[in-house]
Amino acid sequence: MHLLLAQCVMCFRTAASQQLERARVLNDGILMLGIPSLCILAGFVYWVYRRR
């Protein structure tokens, strides 16, 4: 389960070589880096949709 959230092959292999707690922290970091990007993208898509 702890390897399920890793996004790429490099992150997957890094998480697989770590202890369970470190793998969880790595996955949390991946999510924390992805959420702001997703929010910015969603805001841009909404802005484009409103300007149509």
C-alpha atoms as a PDB file:
ATOM      1  CA  MET A   1       0.000   0.000   0.000  1.00  0.00           C
ATOM      2  CA  HIS A   2       2.754   2.458   0.849  1.00  0.00           C
ATOM      3  CA  LEU A   3       4.178   2.251  -2.673  1.00  0.00           C
ATOM      4  CA  LEU A   4       0.861   2.860  -4.362  1.00  0.00           C
ATOM      5  CA  LEU A   5       1.041   6.660  -4.291  1.00  0.00           C
ATOM      6  CA  ALA A   6       4.510   7.016  -5.845  1.00  0.00           C
ATOM      7  CA  GLN A   7       4.021   8.745  -9.187  1.00  0.00           C
ATOM      8  CA  CYS A   8       7.012   7.834 -11.365  1.00  0.00           C
ATOM      9  CA  VAL A   9       9.462   4.961 -11.655  1.00  0.00           C
ATOM     10  CA  MET A  10      12.194   6.919  -9.889  1.00  0.00           C
ATOM     11  CA  CYS A  11       9.896   7.777  -6.960  1.00  0.00           C
ATOM     12  CA  PHE A  12       8.574   4.204  -6.862  1.00  0.00           C
ATOM     13  CA  ARG A  13      12.059   2.717  -6.621  1.00  0.00           C
ATOM     14  CA  THR A  14      13.116   5.276  -4.013  1.00  0.00           C
ATOM     15  CA  ALA A  15      10.041   4.509  -1.913  1.00  0.00           C
ATOM     16  CA  ALA A  16      10.596   0.768  -2.320  1.00  0.00           C
ATOM     17  CA  SER A  17      14.131   1.030  -0.961  1.00  0.00           C
ATOM     18  CA  GLN A  18      13.076   3.073   2.094  1.00  0.00           C
ATOM     19  CA  GLN A  19      11.490   2.093   5.358  1.00  0.00           C
ATOM     20  CA  LEU A  20       7.697   2.292   5.584  1.00  0.00           C
ATOM     21  CA  GLU A  21       7.649   5.660   7.390  1.00  0.00           C
ATOM     22  CA  ARG A  22      10.099   7.268   4.969  1.00  0.00           C
ATOM     23  CA  ALA A  23       8.098   5.973   2.009  1.00  0.00           C
ATOM     24  CA  ARG A  24       4.949   7.522   3.509  1.00  0.00           C
ATOM     25  CA  VAL A  25       6.737  10.864   3.929  1.00  0.00           C
ATOM     26  CA  LEU A  26       7.944  10.690   0.313  1.00  0.00           C
ATOM     27  CA  ASN A  27       4.387  10.050  -0.906  1.00  0.00           C
ATOM     28  CA  ASP A  28       3.079  12.920   1.225  1.00  0.00           C
ATOM     29  CA  GLY A  29       5.718  15.185  -0.319  1.00  0.00           C
ATOM     30  CA  ILE A  30       4.676  14.146  -3.819  1.00  0.00           C
ATOM     31  CA  LEU A  31       1.070  15.018  -3.008  1.00  0.00           C
ATOM     32  CA  MET A  32       2.024  18.345  -1.427  1.00  0.00           C
ATOM     33  CA  LEU A  33       3.948  19.320  -4.549  1.00  0.00           C
ATOM     34  CA  GLY A  34       1.137  18.211  -6.859  1.00  0.00           C
ATOM     35  CA  ILE A  35      -1.834  19.867  -5.160  1.00  0.00           C
ATOM     36  CA  PRO A  36      -0.798  23.525  -5.794  1.00  0.00           C
ATOM     37  CA  SER A  37      -0.072  22.728  -9.449  1.00  0.00           C
ATOM     38  CA  LEU A  38      -3.464  21.087  -9.815  1.00  0.00           C
ATOM     39  CA  CYS A  39      -5.185  24.096  -8.207  1.00  0.00           C
ATOM     40  CA  ILE A  40      -3.385  26.522 -10.537  1.00  0.00           C
ATOM     41  CA  LEU A  41      -4.342  24.405 -13.554  1.00  0.00           C
ATOM     42  CA  ALA A  42      -7.973  24.192 -12.398  1.00  0.00           C
ATOM     43  CA  GLY A  43      -8.072  27.972 -11.893  1.00  0.00           C
ATOM     44  CA  PHE A  44      -6.649  28.565 -15.364  1.00  0.00           C
ATOM     45  CA  VAL A  45      -9.151  26.176 -16.967  1.00  0.00           C
ATOM     46  CA  TYR A  46     -11.992  27.894 -15.100  1.00  0.00           C
ATOM     47  CA  TRP A  47     -10.710  31.321 -16.216  1.00  0.00           C
ATOM     48  CA  VAL A  48     -10.538  30.182 -19.866  1.00  0.00           C
ATOM     49  CA  TYR A  49     -14.006  28.679 -19.613  1.00  0.00           C
ATOM     50  CA  ARG A  50     -15.428  31.937 -18.200  1.00  0.00           C
ATOM     51  CA  ARG A  51     -13.814  34.041 -20.960  1.00  0.00           C
ATOM     52  CA  ARG A  52     -15.414  31.977 -23.720  1.00  0.00           C
END
